[in-house]
């Protein structure tokens, strides 16, 4: 089941500082970001990878499908992360102009870890 987590954020007159530390349910092995998106991304689930999605700029929708259940979570703040578990078939859609989606992964890239069909 996907999970939305509020990240510890410290704000003062200088601005905001958000920390990703001791809040993820996994050790970090890979970080990448998606930007200049023209169409839907994702469209898969994993055998073992857990991912934390953070929209650093702009907004995007994370659509998770599990059987007949479908949920849409809109990420609009870098103060939150959305955790996607291996069984969560997910797509990333409706990216706003200048959106940047950072993905933090529990595993290194492995093409054999991807499953292209929903449960």
PDB file of N, CA and C in Angstrom:
ATOM      1  N   UNK A   1       0.847  -1.179   0.000  1.00  0.00           N
ATOM      2  CA  UNK A   1       0.000   0.000   0.000  1.00  0.00           C
ATOM      3  C   UNK A   1       0.892   1.241   0.000  1.00  0.00           C
ATOM      4  N   UNK A   2       0.744   2.141  -0.970  1.00  0.00           N
ATOM      5  CA  UNK A   2       1.572   3.350  -1.011  1.00  0.00           C
ATOM      6  C   UNK A   2       1.343   4.215   0.220  1.00  0.00           C
ATOM      7  N   UNK A   3       2.292   5.089   0.497  1.00  0.00           N
ATOM      8  CA  UNK A   3       2.251   5.875   1.722  1.00  0.00           C
ATOM      9  C   UNK A   3       2.789   7.278   1.461  1.00  0.00           C
ATOM     10  N   UNK A   4       2.062   8.302   1.914  1.00  0.00           N
ATOM     11  CA  UNK A   4       2.509   9.692   1.808  1.00  0.00           C
ATOM     12  C   UNK A   4       3.114  10.097   3.141  1.00  0.00           C
ATOM     13  N   UNK A   5       4.340  10.615   3.114  1.00  0.00           N
ATOM     14  CA  UNK A   5       5.051  10.992   4.333  1.00  0.00           C
ATOM     15  C   UNK A   5       5.406  12.474   4.267  1.00  0.00           C
ATOM     16  N   UNK A   6       5.090  13.207   5.340  1.00  0.00           N
ATOM     17  CA  UNK A   6       5.549  14.592   5.470  1.00  0.00           C
ATOM     18  C   UNK A   6       6.999  14.558   5.922  1.00  0.00           C
ATOM     19  N   UNK A   7       7.851  15.272   5.219  1.00  0.00           N
ATOM     20  CA  UNK A   7       9.275  15.287   5.533  1.00  0.00           C
ATOM     21  C   UNK A   7       9.592  16.396   6.530  1.00  0.00           C
ATOM     22  N   UNK A   8      10.557  16.149   7.426  1.00  0.00           N
ATOM     23  CA  UNK A   8      10.944  17.202   8.363  1.00  0.00           C
ATOM     24  C   UNK A   8      11.457  18.427   7.594  1.00  0.00           C
ATOM     25  N   UNK A   9      10.841  19.560   7.851  1.00  0.00           N
ATOM     26  CA  UNK A   9      11.197  20.804   7.164  1.00  0.00           C
ATOM     27  C   UNK A   9      11.425  21.891   8.192  1.00  0.00           C
ATOM     28  N   UNK A  10      12.509  22.619   8.016  1.00  0.00           N
ATOM     29  CA  UNK A  10      12.874  23.707   8.921  1.00  0.00           C
ATOM     30  C   UNK A  10      12.833  25.008   8.130  1.00  0.00           C
ATOM     31  N   UNK A  11      12.048  25.953   8.625  1.00  0.00           N
ATOM     32  CA  UNK A  11      11.850  27.222   7.914  1.00  0.00           C
ATOM     33  C   UNK A  11      12.239  28.387   8.800  1.00  0.00           C
ATOM     34  N   UNK A  12      12.902  29.348   8.197  1.00  0.00           N
ATOM     35  CA  UNK A  12      13.175  30.605   8.890  1.00  0.00           C
ATOM     36  C   UNK A  12      13.282  31.702   7.834  1.00  0.00           C
ATOM     37  N   UNK A  13      13.783  32.847   8.206  1.00  0.00           N
ATOM     38  CA  UNK A  13      13.833  33.988   7.289  1.00  0.00           C
ATOM     39  C   UNK A  13      14.708  33.730   6.068  1.00  0.00           C
ATOM     40  N   UNK A  14      15.592  32.732   6.140  1.00  0.00           N
ATOM     41  CA  UNK A  14      16.486  32.421   5.022  1.00  0.00           C
ATOM     42  C   UNK A  14      15.840  31.506   4.003  1.00  0.00           C
ATOM     43  N   UNK A  15      14.750  30.832   4.395  1.00  0.00           N
ATOM     44  CA  UNK A  15      14.082  29.897   3.501  1.00  0.00           C
ATOM     45  C   UNK A  15      13.777  28.585   4.185  1.00  0.00           C
ATOM     46  N   UNK A  16      13.598  27.537   3.388  1.00  0.00           N
ATOM     47  CA  UNK A  16      13.225  26.214   3.893  1.00  0.00           C
ATOM     48  C   UNK A  16      14.345  25.214   3.651  1.00  0.00           C
ATOM     49  N   UNK A  17      14.461  24.273   4.578  1.00  0.00           N
ATOM     50  CA  UNK A  17      15.412  23.175   4.459  1.00  0.00           C
ATOM     51  C   UNK A  17      14.646  21.906   4.803  1.00  0.00           C
ATOM     52  N   UNK A  18      14.543  20.997   3.846  1.00  0.00           N
ATOM     53  CA  UNK A  18      13.829  19.733   4.058  1.00  0.00           C
ATOM     54  C   UNK A  18      14.843  18.601   4.092  1.00  0.00           C
ATOM     55  N   UNK A  19      14.655  17.710   5.059  1.00  0.00           N
ATOM     56  CA  UNK A  19      15.612  16.633   5.302  1.00  0.00           C
ATOM     57  C   UNK A  19      14.962  15.278   5.018  1.00  0.00           C
ATOM     58  N   UNK A  20      15.691  14.440   4.282  1.00  0.00           N
ATOM     59  CA  UNK A  20      15.271  13.044   4.104  1.00  0.00           C
ATOM     60  C   UNK A  20      16.292  12.215   4.868  1.00  0.00           C
ATOM     61  N   UNK A  21      15.921  11.902   6.100  1.00  0.00           N
ATOM     62  CA  UNK A  21      16.830  11.194   7.003  1.00  0.00           C
ATOM     63  C   UNK A  21      15.994  10.407   8.007  1.00  0.00           C
ATOM     64  N   UNK A  22      16.225   9.109   8.068  1.00  0.00           N
ATOM     65  CA  UNK A  22      15.537   8.239   9.016  1.00  0.00           C
ATOM     66  C   UNK A  22      14.024   8.210   8.829  1.00  0.00           C
ATOM     67  N   UNK A  23      13.533   8.479   7.618  1.00  0.00           N
ATOM     68  CA  UNK A  23      12.091   8.434   7.368  1.00  0.00           C
ATOM     69  C   UNK A  23      11.718   7.421   6.287  1.00  0.00           C
ATOM     70  N   UNK A  24      12.678   6.963   5.519  1.00  0.00           N
ATOM     71  CA  UNK A  24      12.396   6.021   4.438  1.00  0.00           C
ATOM     72  C   UNK A  24      12.458   4.588   4.965  1.00  0.00           C
ATOM     73  N   UNK A  25      11.598   3.714   4.458  1.00  0.00           N
ATOM     74  CA  UNK A  25      11.595   2.322   4.922  1.00  0.00           C
ATOM     75  C   UNK A  25      12.638   1.447   4.208  1.00  0.00           C
ATOM     76  N   UNK A  26      13.732   2.064   3.771  1.00  0.00           N
ATOM     77  CA  UNK A  26      14.780   1.330   3.064  1.00  0.00           C
ATOM     78  C   UNK A  26      16.069   2.143   3.066  1.00  0.00           C
ATOM     79  N   UNK A  27      17.178   1.470   2.764  1.00  0.00           N
ATOM     80  CA  UNK A  27      18.456   2.145   2.548  1.00  0.00           C
ATOM     81  C   UNK A  27      18.509   2.609   1.099  1.00  0.00           C
ATOM     82  N   UNK A  28      19.091   3.764   0.880  1.00  0.00           N
ATOM     83  CA  UNK A  28      19.143   4.365  -0.456  1.00  0.00           C
ATOM     84  C   UNK A  28      20.285   3.754  -1.265  1.00  0.00           C
ATOM     85  N   UNK A  29      19.946   3.287  -2.480  1.00  0.00           N
ATOM     86  CA  UNK A  29      20.957   2.763  -3.395  1.00  0.00           C
ATOM     87  C   UNK A  29      21.031   3.538  -4.699  1.00  0.00           C
ATOM     88  N   UNK A  30      19.955   4.276  -5.030  1.00  0.00           N
ATOM     89  CA  UNK A  30      19.920   4.969  -6.320  1.00  0.00           C
ATOM     90  C   UNK A  30      19.038   6.200  -6.203  1.00  0.00           C
ATOM     91  N   UNK A  31      19.469   7.286  -6.829  1.00  0.00           N
ATOM     92  CA  UNK A  31      18.677   8.525  -6.895  1.00  0.00           C
ATOM     93  C   UNK A  31      18.712   9.017  -8.337  1.00  0.00           C
ATOM     94  N   UNK A  32      17.539   9.350  -8.867  1.00  0.00           N
ATOM     95  CA  UNK A  32      17.479   9.961 -10.193  1.00  0.00           C
ATOM     96  C   UNK A  32      16.320  10.938 -10.219  1.00  0.00           C
ATOM     97  N   UNK A  33      16.269  11.764 -11.247  1.00  0.00           N
ATOM     98  CA  UNK A  33      15.149  12.697 -11.353  1.00  0.00           C
ATOM     99  C   UNK A  33      14.646  12.752 -12.780  1.00  0.00           C
ATOM    100  N   UNK A  34      13.343  13.066 -12.880  1.00  0.00           N
ATOM    101  CA  UNK A  34      12.628  13.092 -14.152  1.00  0.00           C
ATOM    102  C   UNK A  34      12.155  14.522 -14.378  1.00  0.00           C
ATOM    103  N   UNK A  35      12.381  15.054 -15.576  1.00  0.00           N
ATOM    104  CA  UNK A  35      11.971  16.431 -15.878  1.00  0.00           C
ATOM    105  C   UNK A  35      11.766  16.570 -17.381  1.00  0.00           C
ATOM    106  N   UNK A  36      11.225  17.720 -17.801  1.00  0.00           N
ATOM    107  CA  UNK A  36      10.882  17.946 -19.218  1.00  0.00           C
ATOM    108  C   UNK A  36       9.980  16.832 -19.745  1.00  0.00           C
ATOM    109  N   UNK A  37       9.042  16.400 -18.926  1.00  0.00           N
ATOM    110  CA  UNK A  37       8.185  15.263 -19.271  1.00  0.00           C
ATOM    111  C   UNK A  37       7.116  15.675 -20.270  1.00  0.00           C
ATOM    112  N   UNK A  38       6.981  14.897 -21.322  1.00  0.00           N
ATOM    113  CA  UNK A  38       6.000  15.164 -22.377  1.00  0.00           C
ATOM    114  C   UNK A  38       4.850  14.158 -22.366  1.00  0.00           C
ATOM    115  N   UNK A  39       5.021  13.024 -21.680  1.00  0.00           N
ATOM    116  CA  UNK A  39       3.991  11.994 -21.648  1.00  0.00           C
ATOM    117  C   UNK A  39       4.099  11.213 -20.345  1.00  0.00           C
ATOM    118  N   UNK A  40       3.186  10.291 -20.145  1.00  0.00           N
ATOM    119  CA  UNK A  40       3.149   9.473 -18.932  1.00  0.00           C
ATOM    120  C   UNK A  40       4.451   8.682 -18.776  1.00  0.00           C
ATOM    121  N   UNK A  41       4.930   8.618 -17.538  1.00  0.00           N
ATOM    122  CA  UNK A  41       6.118   7.825 -17.198  1.00  0.00           C
ATOM    123  C   UNK A  41       5.706   6.663 -16.318  1.00  0.00           C
ATOM    124  N   UNK A  42       6.610   5.741 -16.092  1.00  0.00           N
ATOM    125  CA  UNK A  42       6.319   4.585 -15.250  1.00  0.00           C
ATOM    126  C   UNK A  42       5.595   3.516 -16.046  1.00  0.00           C
ATOM    127  N   UNK A  43       4.479   3.051 -15.514  1.00  0.00           N
ATOM    128  CA  UNK A  43       3.721   1.988 -16.166  1.00  0.00           C
ATOM    129  C   UNK A  43       4.300   0.627 -15.840  1.00  0.00           C
ATOM    130  N   UNK A  44       4.635   0.442 -14.563  1.00  0.00           N
ATOM    131  CA  UNK A  44       5.204  -0.835 -14.130  1.00  0.00           C
ATOM    132  C   UNK A  44       5.101  -0.962 -12.610  1.00  0.00           C
ATOM    133  N   UNK A  45       5.451  -2.139 -12.134  1.00  0.00           N
ATOM    134  CA  UNK A  45       5.669  -2.408 -10.716  1.00  0.00           C
ATOM    135  C   UNK A  45       7.003  -3.128 -10.628  1.00  0.00           C
ATOM    136  N   UNK A  46       7.390  -3.517  -9.440  1.00  0.00           N
ATOM    137  CA  UNK A  46       8.707  -4.132  -9.270  1.00  0.00           C
ATOM    138  C   UNK A  46       8.610  -5.460  -8.529  1.00  0.00           C
ATOM    139  N   UNK A  47       9.659  -6.235  -8.637  1.00  0.00           N
ATOM    140  CA  UNK A  47       9.758  -7.471  -7.866  1.00  0.00           C
ATOM    141  C   UNK A  47      10.220  -7.165  -6.450  1.00  0.00           C
ATOM    142  N   UNK A  48      11.166  -6.210  -6.295  1.00  0.00           N
ATOM    143  CA  UNK A  48      11.645  -5.921  -4.943  1.00  0.00           C
ATOM    144  C   UNK A  48      11.941  -4.443  -4.660  1.00  0.00           C
ATOM    145  N   UNK A  49      11.971  -3.590  -5.644  1.00  0.00           N
ATOM    146  CA  UNK A  49      12.333  -2.185  -5.437  1.00  0.00           C
ATOM    147  C   UNK A  49      11.226  -1.394  -4.750  1.00  0.00           C
ATOM    148  N   UNK A  50      11.622  -0.631  -3.744  1.00  0.00           N
ATOM    149  CA  UNK A  50      10.759   0.359  -3.097  1.00  0.00           C
ATOM    150  C   UNK A  50      11.268   1.720  -3.546  1.00  0.00           C
ATOM    151  N   UNK A  51      10.353   2.649  -3.823  1.00  0.00           N
ATOM    152  CA  UNK A  51      10.755   3.980  -4.278  1.00  0.00           C
ATOM    153  C   UNK A  51      10.092   5.066  -3.442  1.00  0.00           C
ATOM    154  N   UNK A  52      10.820   6.158  -3.243  1.00  0.00           N
ATOM    155  CA  UNK A  52      10.289   7.365  -2.613  1.00  0.00           C
ATOM    156  C   UNK A  52      10.289   8.452  -3.683  1.00  0.00           C
ATOM    157  N   UNK A  53       9.126   9.033  -3.952  1.00  0.00           N
ATOM    158  CA  UNK A  53       8.974  10.050  -4.989  1.00  0.00           C
ATOM    159  C   UNK A  53       8.809  11.412  -4.336  1.00  0.00           C
ATOM    160  N   UNK A  54       9.611  12.377  -4.777  1.00  0.00           N
ATOM    161  CA  UNK A  54       9.539  13.735  -4.245  1.00  0.00           C
ATOM    162  C   UNK A  54       9.465  14.696  -5.425  1.00  0.00           C
ATOM    163  N   UNK A  55       8.414  15.497  -5.482  1.00  0.00           N
ATOM    164  CA  UNK A  55       8.301  16.501  -6.540  1.00  0.00           C
ATOM    165  C   UNK A  55       9.035  17.756  -6.071  1.00  0.00           C
ATOM    166  N   UNK A  56      10.239  17.949  -6.577  1.00  0.00           N
ATOM    167  CA  UNK A  56      11.080  19.063  -6.140  1.00  0.00           C
ATOM    168  C   UNK A  56      10.583  20.406  -6.649  1.00  0.00           C
ATOM    169  N   UNK A  57       9.953  20.398  -7.813  1.00  0.00           N
ATOM    170  CA  UNK A  57       9.437  21.634  -8.407  1.00  0.00           C
ATOM    171  C   UNK A  57       8.163  21.301  -9.181  1.00  0.00           C
ATOM    172  N   UNK A  58       7.191  22.177  -9.125  1.00  0.00           N
ATOM    173  CA  UNK A  58       5.947  21.960  -9.852  1.00  0.00           C
ATOM    174  C   UNK A  58       5.094  20.893  -9.206  1.00  0.00           C
ATOM    175  N   UNK A  59       4.374  20.137 -10.044  1.00  0.00           N
ATOM    176  CA  UNK A  59       3.482  19.105  -9.528  1.00  0.00           C
ATOM    177  C   UNK A  59       3.354  17.966 -10.531  1.00  0.00           C
ATOM    178  N   UNK A  60       2.904  16.826 -10.025  1.00  0.00           N
ATOM    179  CA  UNK A  60       2.568  15.689 -10.883  1.00  0.00           C
ATOM    180  C   UNK A  60       1.674  14.742 -10.109  1.00  0.00           C
ATOM    181  N   UNK A  61       0.964  13.900 -10.843  1.00  0.00           N
ATOM    182  CA  UNK A  61       0.091  12.895 -10.248  1.00  0.00           C
ATOM    183  C   UNK A  61       0.787  11.543 -10.253  1.00  0.00           C
ATOM    184  N   UNK A  62       0.638  10.825  -9.146  1.00  0.00           N
ATOM    185  CA  UNK A  62       1.107   9.453  -9.067  1.00  0.00           C
ATOM    186  C   UNK A  62      -0.150   8.576  -9.024  1.00  0.00           C
ATOM    187  N   UNK A  63      -0.310   7.748 -10.035  1.00  0.00           N
ATOM    188  CA  UNK A  63      -1.476   6.873 -10.132  1.00  0.00           C
ATOM    189  C   UNK A  63      -1.018   5.461  -9.777  1.00  0.00           C
ATOM    190  N   UNK A  64      -1.660   4.883  -8.753  1.00  0.00           N
ATOM    191  CA  UNK A  64      -1.324   3.529  -8.316  1.00  0.00           C
ATOM    192  C   UNK A  64      -2.538   2.637  -8.529  1.00  0.00           C
ATOM    193  N   UNK A  65      -2.311   1.512  -9.215  1.00  0.00           N
ATOM    194  CA  UNK A  65      -3.372   0.556  -9.492  1.00  0.00           C
ATOM    195  C   UNK A  65      -2.996  -0.782  -8.873  1.00  0.00           C
ATOM    196  N   UNK A  66      -3.938  -1.340  -8.121  1.00  0.00           N
ATOM    197  CA  UNK A  66      -3.760  -2.657  -7.499  1.00  0.00           C
ATOM    198  C   UNK A  66      -5.064  -3.401  -7.651  1.00  0.00           C
ATOM    199  N   UNK A  67      -5.122  -4.339  -8.572  1.00  0.00           N
ATOM    200  CA  UNK A  67      -6.377  -5.026  -8.844  1.00  0.00           C
ATOM    201  C   UNK A  67      -7.403  -4.036  -9.362  1.00  0.00           C
ATOM    202  N   UNK A  68      -8.565  -3.978  -8.714  1.00  0.00           N
ATOM    203  CA  UNK A  68      -9.598  -3.030  -9.128  1.00  0.00           C
ATOM    204  C   UNK A  68      -9.483  -1.697  -8.397  1.00  0.00           C
ATOM    205  N   UNK A  69      -8.526  -1.580  -7.467  1.00  0.00           N
ATOM    206  CA  UNK A  69      -8.327  -0.334  -6.729  1.00  0.00           C
ATOM    207  C   UNK A  69      -7.390   0.597  -7.488  1.00  0.00           C
ATOM    208  N   UNK A  70      -7.766   1.867  -7.535  1.00  0.00           N
ATOM    209  CA  UNK A  70      -6.936   2.871  -8.200  1.00  0.00           C
ATOM    210  C   UNK A  70      -6.934   4.117  -7.330  1.00  0.00           C
ATOM    211  N   UNK A  71      -5.742   4.667  -7.081  1.00  0.00           N
ATOM    212  CA  UNK A  71      -5.643   5.901  -6.318  1.00  0.00           C
ATOM    213  C   UNK A  71      -4.765   6.895  -7.076  1.00  0.00           C
ATOM    214  N   UNK A  72      -5.077   8.160  -6.896  1.00  0.00           N
ATOM    215  CA  UNK A  72      -4.285   9.232  -7.499  1.00  0.00           C
ATOM    216  C   UNK A  72      -3.837  10.156  -6.383  1.00  0.00           C
ATOM    217  N   UNK A  73      -2.538  10.365  -6.296  1.00  0.00           N
ATOM    218  CA  UNK A  73      -1.970  11.298  -5.330  1.00  0.00           C
ATOM    219  C   UNK A  73      -1.239  12.375  -6.104  1.00  0.00           C
ATOM    220  N   UNK A  74      -1.574  13.623  -5.839  1.00  0.00           N
ATOM    221  CA  UNK A  74      -0.909  14.741  -6.506  1.00  0.00           C
ATOM    222  C   UNK A  74       0.193  15.252  -5.596  1.00  0.00           C
ATOM    223  N   UNK A  75       1.409  15.230  -6.110  1.00  0.00           N
ATOM    224  CA  UNK A  75       2.548  15.774  -5.368  1.00  0.00           C
ATOM    225  C   UNK A  75       2.742  17.224  -5.789  1.00  0.00           C
ATOM    226  N   UNK A  76       2.723  18.125  -4.812  1.00  0.00           N
ATOM    227  CA  UNK A  76       2.832  19.558  -5.096  1.00  0.00           C
ATOM    228  C   UNK A  76       3.878  20.253  -4.241  1.00  0.00           C
ATOM    229  N   UNK A  77       4.548  19.498  -3.383  1.00  0.00           N
ATOM    230  CA  UNK A  77       5.476  20.119  -2.440  1.00  0.00           C
ATOM    231  C   UNK A  77       6.705  19.245  -2.220  1.00  0.00           C
ATOM    232  N   UNK A  78       7.874  19.847  -2.159  1.00  0.00           N
ATOM    233  CA  UNK A  78       9.080  19.072  -1.845  1.00  0.00           C
ATOM    234  C   UNK A  78       9.156  18.706  -0.366  1.00  0.00           C
ATOM    235  N   UNK A  79       8.136  19.056   0.396  1.00  0.00           N
ATOM    236  CA  UNK A  79       8.079  18.722   1.821  1.00  0.00           C
ATOM    237  C   UNK A  79       7.412  17.367   2.067  1.00  0.00           C
ATOM    238  N   UNK A  80       7.079  16.642   0.976  1.00  0.00           N
ATOM    239  CA  UNK A  80       6.443  15.339   1.109  1.00  0.00           C
ATOM    240  C   UNK A  80       7.116  14.334   0.193  1.00  0.00           C
ATOM    241  N   UNK A  81       7.042  13.077   0.599  1.00  0.00           N
ATOM    242  CA  UNK A  81       7.488  11.993  -0.270  1.00  0.00           C
ATOM    243  C   UNK A  81       6.398  10.940  -0.324  1.00  0.00           C
ATOM    244  N   UNK A  82       6.272  10.316  -1.474  1.00  0.00           N
ATOM    245  CA  UNK A  82       5.270   9.279  -1.683  1.00  0.00           C
ATOM    246  C   UNK A  82       6.011   7.968  -1.873  1.00  0.00           C
ATOM    247  N   UNK A  83       5.757   7.013  -0.990  1.00  0.00           N
ATOM    248  CA  UNK A  83       6.441   5.728  -1.032  1.00  0.00           C
ATOM    249  C   UNK A  83       5.630   4.750  -1.885  1.00  0.00           C
ATOM    250  N   UNK A  84       6.287   4.160  -2.881  1.00  0.00           N
ATOM    251  CA  UNK A  84       5.670   3.167  -3.764  1.00  0.00           C
ATOM    252  C   UNK A  84       6.375   1.833  -3.506  1.00  0.00           C
ATOM    253  N   UNK A  85       5.581   0.836  -3.127  1.00  0.00           N
ATOM    254  CA  UNK A  85       6.118  -0.475  -2.801  1.00  0.00           C
ATOM    255  C   UNK A  85       6.134  -1.371  -4.048  1.00  0.00           C
ATOM    256  N   UNK A  86       6.874  -2.484  -4.009  1.00  0.00           N
ATOM    257  CA  UNK A  86       7.048  -3.305  -5.214  1.00  0.00           C
ATOM    258  C   UNK A  86       5.744  -3.710  -5.900  1.00  0.00           C
ATOM    259  N   UNK A  87       4.722  -4.029  -5.131  1.00  0.00           N
ATOM    260  CA  UNK A  87       3.461  -4.507  -5.721  1.00  0.00           C
ATOM    261  C   UNK A  87       2.589  -3.385  -6.290  1.00  0.00           C
ATOM    262  N   UNK A  88       3.009  -2.133  -6.115  1.00  0.00           N
ATOM    263  CA  UNK A  88       2.231  -0.981  -6.574  1.00  0.00           C
ATOM    264  C   UNK A  88       2.524  -0.663  -8.042  1.00  0.00           C
ATOM    265  N   UNK A  89       1.603  -1.044  -8.936  1.00  0.00           N
ATOM    266  CA  UNK A  89       1.718  -0.657 -10.344  1.00  0.00           C
ATOM    267  C   UNK A  89       1.483   0.851 -10.397  1.00  0.00           C
ATOM    268  N   UNK A  90       2.438   1.597 -10.938  1.00  0.00           N
ATOM    269  CA  UNK A  90       2.337   3.050 -10.861  1.00  0.00           C
ATOM    270  C   UNK A  90       2.708   3.732 -12.175  1.00  0.00           C
ATOM    271  N   UNK A  91       2.052   4.863 -12.385  1.00  0.00           N
ATOM    272  CA  UNK A  91       2.411   5.768 -13.467  1.00  0.00           C
ATOM    273  C   UNK A  91       2.558   7.161 -12.871  1.00  0.00           C
ATOM    274  N   UNK A  92       3.347   7.985 -13.529  1.00  0.00           N
ATOM    275  CA  UNK A  92       3.505   9.388 -13.159  1.00  0.00           C
ATOM    276  C   UNK A  92       2.959  10.199 -14.326  1.00  0.00           C
ATOM    277  N   UNK A  93       1.964  11.058 -14.036  1.00  0.00           N
ATOM    278  CA  UNK A  93       1.223  11.747 -15.088  1.00  0.00           C
ATOM    279  C   UNK A  93       1.021  13.219 -14.747  1.00  0.00           C
ATOM    280  N   UNK A  94       0.507  13.956 -15.731  1.00  0.00           N
ATOM    281  CA  UNK A  94       0.093  15.354 -15.536  1.00  0.00           C
ATOM    282  C   UNK A  94       1.181  16.220 -14.911  1.00  0.00           C
ATOM    283  N   UNK A  95       2.372  16.109 -15.446  1.00  0.00           N
ATOM    284  CA  UNK A  95       3.478  16.939 -14.967  1.00  0.00           C
ATOM    285  C   UNK A  95       3.217  18.393 -15.337  1.00  0.00           C
ATOM    286  N   UNK A  96       3.358  19.283 -14.378  1.00  0.00           N
ATOM    287  CA  UNK A  96       3.225  20.706 -14.670  1.00  0.00           C
ATOM    288  C   UNK A  96       4.487  21.188 -15.390  1.00  0.00           C
ATOM    289  N   UNK A  97       4.397  22.359 -15.975  1.00  0.00           N
ATOM    290  CA  UNK A  97       5.566  22.943 -16.626  1.00  0.00           C
ATOM    291  C   UNK A  97       6.666  23.113 -15.582  1.00  0.00           C
ATOM    292  N   UNK A  98       7.865  22.746 -15.920  1.00  0.00           N
ATOM    293  CA  UNK A  98       9.050  22.860 -15.053  1.00  0.00           C
ATOM    294  C   UNK A  98       9.046  21.895 -13.867  1.00  0.00           C
ATOM    295  N   UNK A  99       8.183  20.883 -13.892  1.00  0.00           N
ATOM    296  CA  UNK A  99       8.158  19.897 -12.803  1.00  0.00           C
ATOM    297  C   UNK A  99       9.445  19.079 -12.808  1.00  0.00           C
ATOM    298  N   UNK A 100       9.918  18.777 -11.603  1.00  0.00           N
ATOM    299  CA  UNK A 100      11.069  17.900 -11.410  1.00  0.00           C
ATOM    300  C   UNK A 100      10.670  16.876 -10.359  1.00  0.00           C
ATOM    301  N   UNK A 101      10.684  15.599 -10.735  1.00  0.00           N
ATOM    302  CA  UNK A 101      10.342  14.516  -9.818  1.00  0.00           C
ATOM    303  C   UNK A 101      11.611  13.739  -9.498  1.00  0.00           C
ATOM    304  N   UNK A 102      12.005  13.761  -8.224  1.00  0.00           N
ATOM    305  CA  UNK A 102      13.163  12.990  -7.776  1.00  0.00           C
ATOM    306  C   UNK A 102      12.679  11.633  -7.275  1.00  0.00           C
ATOM    307  N   UNK A 103      13.389  10.580  -7.677  1.00  0.00           N
ATOM    308  CA  UNK A 103      13.061   9.229  -7.255  1.00  0.00           C
ATOM    309  C   UNK A 103      14.247   8.666  -6.478  1.00  0.00           C
ATOM    310  N   UNK A 104      13.957   8.208  -5.265  1.00  0.00           N
ATOM    311  CA  UNK A 104      14.962   7.587  -4.403  1.00  0.00           C
ATOM    312  C   UNK A 104      14.601   6.107  -4.339  1.00  0.00           C
ATOM    313  N   UNK A 105      15.565   5.246  -4.638  1.00  0.00           N
ATOM    314  CA  UNK A 105      15.280   3.831  -4.816  1.00  0.00           C
ATOM    315  C   UNK A 105      16.047   2.955  -3.831  1.00  0.00           C
ATOM    316  N   UNK A 106      15.398   1.862  -3.446  1.00  0.00           N
ATOM    317  CA  UNK A 106      16.026   0.903  -2.532  1.00  0.00           C
ATOM    318  C   UNK A 106      17.000  -0.036  -3.235  1.00  0.00           C
ATOM    319  N   UNK A 107      16.973  -0.031  -4.569  1.00  0.00           N
ATOM    320  CA  UNK A 107      17.798  -0.977  -5.334  1.00  0.00           C
ATOM    321  C   UNK A 107      18.506  -0.264  -6.484  1.00  0.00           C
ATOM    322  N   UNK A 108      19.619  -0.822  -6.910  1.00  0.00           N
ATOM    323  CA  UNK A 108      20.268  -0.362  -8.122  1.00  0.00           C
ATOM    324  C   UNK A 108      19.405  -0.773  -9.315  1.00  0.00           C
ATOM    325  N   UNK A 109      19.591  -0.134 -10.455  1.00  0.00           N
ATOM    326  CA  UNK A 109      18.801  -0.490 -11.632  1.00  0.00           C
ATOM    327  C   UNK A 109      19.041  -1.940 -12.010  1.00  0.00           C
ATOM    328  N   UNK A 110      17.932  -2.645 -12.285  1.00  0.00           N
ATOM    329  CA  UNK A 110      17.984  -4.020 -12.748  1.00  0.00           C
ATOM    330  C   UNK A 110      16.757  -4.233 -13.632  1.00  0.00           C
ATOM    331  N   UNK A 111      16.953  -4.375 -14.926  1.00  0.00           N
ATOM    332  CA  UNK A 111      15.834  -4.539 -15.862  1.00  0.00           C
ATOM    333  C   UNK A 111      14.958  -5.731 -15.499  1.00  0.00           C
ATOM    334  N   UNK A 112      15.528  -6.749 -14.871  1.00  0.00           N
ATOM    335  CA  UNK A 112      14.754  -7.934 -14.481  1.00  0.00           C
ATOM    336  C   UNK A 112      13.825  -7.675 -13.295  1.00  0.00           C
ATOM    337  N   UNK A 113      13.962  -6.530 -12.636  1.00  0.00           N
ATOM    338  CA  UNK A 113      13.118  -6.188 -11.487  1.00  0.00           C
ATOM    339  C   UNK A 113      11.776  -5.583 -11.906  1.00  0.00           C
ATOM    340  N   UNK A 114      11.629  -5.234 -13.175  1.00  0.00           N
ATOM    341  CA  UNK A 114      10.429  -4.554 -13.656  1.00  0.00           C
ATOM    342  C   UNK A 114       9.368  -5.553 -14.116  1.00  0.00           C
ATOM    343  N   UNK A 115       8.113  -5.265 -13.732  1.00  0.00           N
ATOM    344  CA  UNK A 115       6.965  -6.048 -14.182  1.00  0.00           C
ATOM    345  C   UNK A 115       6.004  -5.046 -14.843  1.00  0.00           C
ATOM    346  N   UNK A 116       5.722  -5.248 -16.115  1.00  0.00           N
ATOM    347  CA  UNK A 116       4.954  -4.265 -16.893  1.00  0.00           C
ATOM    348  C   UNK A 116       3.438  -4.428 -16.805  1.00  0.00           C
ATOM    349  N   UNK A 117       2.962  -5.403 -16.070  1.00  0.00           N
ATOM    350  CA  UNK A 117       1.516  -5.604 -15.949  1.00  0.00           C
ATOM    351  C   UNK A 117       1.059  -5.386 -14.516  1.00  0.00           C
ATOM    352  N   UNK A 118      -0.133  -4.817 -14.335  1.00  0.00           N
ATOM    353  CA  UNK A 118      -0.666  -4.654 -12.972  1.00  0.00           C
ATOM    354  C   UNK A 118      -1.001  -6.003 -12.352  1.00  0.00           C
ATOM    355  N   UNK A 119      -1.227  -5.994 -11.054  1.00  0.00           N
ATOM    356  CA  UNK A 119      -1.664  -7.217 -10.354  1.00  0.00           C
ATOM    357  C   UNK A 119      -3.068  -7.584 -10.799  1.00  0.00           C
TER     358      UNK A 119
END
